[in-house]
Amino acid sequence: MQRRVPGMFAAGLAVYLRSTAPLNRVGSVGLWSFAALLVAGYGASMGSPPPSVTAMASGALGMWLFVAWAAWFDQARIAR
C-alpha cells in the first residue's frame, strides 16, 4: 500500500500539469514549491508519531494553510 501513494501523487500531478498552464511565475513556482512541500511532508510522516495530542492537533489545523496556498497558485493557472 505504501508504495502506491507516491505513484498516485505523481499521476495526479501529471494530470494537473497536462490540464493547466501557468499564467505567471506564481502559477509555476507556487505549484512546484507546494508539490515539494507535500513530498517532504509525506517523507516526514514515515517517522515517529507526534509527541502529544496537542502537537497532532496543531499540525492538523495548520494543514488549512495548504488549502489557501493551493487556491492562491491555482488562480494563477489556466485550463488548457
Protein backbone atom coordinates (compact mmCIF):
# COMPACT_ATOMS: atom_id res chain seq x y z
CA MET A 1 0.00 0.00 0.00
CA GLN A 2 2.74 2.47 0.92
CA ARG A 3 4.42 2.08 -2.48
CA ARG A 4 1.29 3.14 -4.36
CA VAL A 5 0.94 6.52 -2.67
CA PRO A 6 3.91 8.22 -4.42
CA GLY A 7 2.75 6.81 -7.74
CA MET A 8 -0.76 8.15 -7.24
CA PHE A 9 0.64 11.55 -6.28
CA ALA A 10 2.84 11.61 -9.38
CA ALA A 11 -0.08 10.58 -11.59
CA GLY A 12 -2.33 13.26 -10.10
CA LEU A 13 0.36 15.89 -10.53
CA ALA A 14 0.88 14.82 -14.16
CA VAL A 15 -2.84 15.12 -14.90
CA TYR A 16 -2.94 18.58 -13.28
CA LEU A 17 0.11 19.73 -15.23
CA ARG A 18 -1.34 18.48 -18.53
CA SER A 19 -4.71 20.14 -17.96
CA THR A 20 -3.48 23.55 -16.74
CA ALA A 21 -0.85 26.09 -17.72
CA PRO A 22 0.73 28.83 -15.62
CA LEU A 23 -0.28 32.42 -16.28
CA ASN A 24 2.68 33.88 -14.43
CA ARG A 25 5.51 32.98 -12.06
CA VAL A 26 3.13 32.37 -9.15
CA GLY A 27 1.40 29.66 -11.17
CA SER A 28 4.64 27.77 -11.76
CA VAL A 29 6.80 28.43 -8.69
CA GLY A 30 3.82 28.18 -6.34
CA LEU A 31 2.84 24.79 -7.74
CA TRP A 32 6.32 23.29 -7.60
CA SER A 33 7.03 24.58 -4.09
CA PHE A 34 3.67 23.19 -2.96
CA ALA A 35 4.43 19.81 -4.52
CA ALA A 36 7.88 19.77 -2.91
CA LEU A 37 6.38 20.53 0.50
CA LEU A 38 3.83 17.73 0.07
CA VAL A 39 6.61 15.27 -0.80
CA ALA A 40 8.64 16.43 2.22
CA GLY A 41 5.57 16.08 4.45
CA TYR A 42 4.98 12.57 3.16
CA GLY A 43 8.59 11.67 3.96
CA ALA A 44 8.29 13.18 7.43
CA SER A 45 5.13 11.20 8.11
CA MET A 46 7.12 7.97 7.80
CA GLY A 47 8.95 8.77 11.03
CA SER A 48 7.78 8.53 14.60
CA PRO A 49 4.28 9.62 15.66
CA PRO A 50 3.65 13.09 17.13
CA PRO A 51 4.82 13.54 20.72
CA SER A 52 1.41 14.64 22.01
CA VAL A 53 -2.21 15.12 21.04
CA THR A 54 -1.67 18.89 21.11
CA ALA A 55 1.13 18.62 18.55
CA MET A 56 -1.04 16.44 16.34
CA ALA A 57 -3.99 18.84 16.59
CA SER A 58 -1.78 21.84 15.83
CA GLY A 59 -0.39 20.12 12.77
CA ALA A 60 -3.86 19.17 11.57
CA LEU A 61 -5.16 22.72 11.98
CA GLY A 62 -2.09 24.05 10.22
CA MET A 63 -2.99 21.97 7.18
CA TRP A 64 -5.71 24.52 6.40
CA LEU A 65 -2.91 26.79 5.20
CA PHE A 66 -2.33 24.27 2.41
CA VAL A 67 -5.86 24.91 1.13
CA ALA A 68 -5.23 28.66 0.93
CA TRP A 69 -1.85 28.11 -0.71
CA ALA A 70 -3.32 25.78 -3.35
CA ALA A 71 -6.13 28.25 -4.09
CA TRP A 72 -3.57 31.06 -4.45
CA PHE A 73 -1.42 29.36 -7.08
CA ASP A 74 -4.40 27.72 -8.80
CA GLN A 75 -5.79 31.19 -9.55
CA ALA A 76 -2.54 31.87 -11.42
CA ARG A 77 -3.11 28.87 -13.72
CA ILE A 78 -5.49 28.50 -16.64
CA ALA A 79 -7.21 25.41 -18.05
CA ARG A 80 -5.86 24.17 -21.37
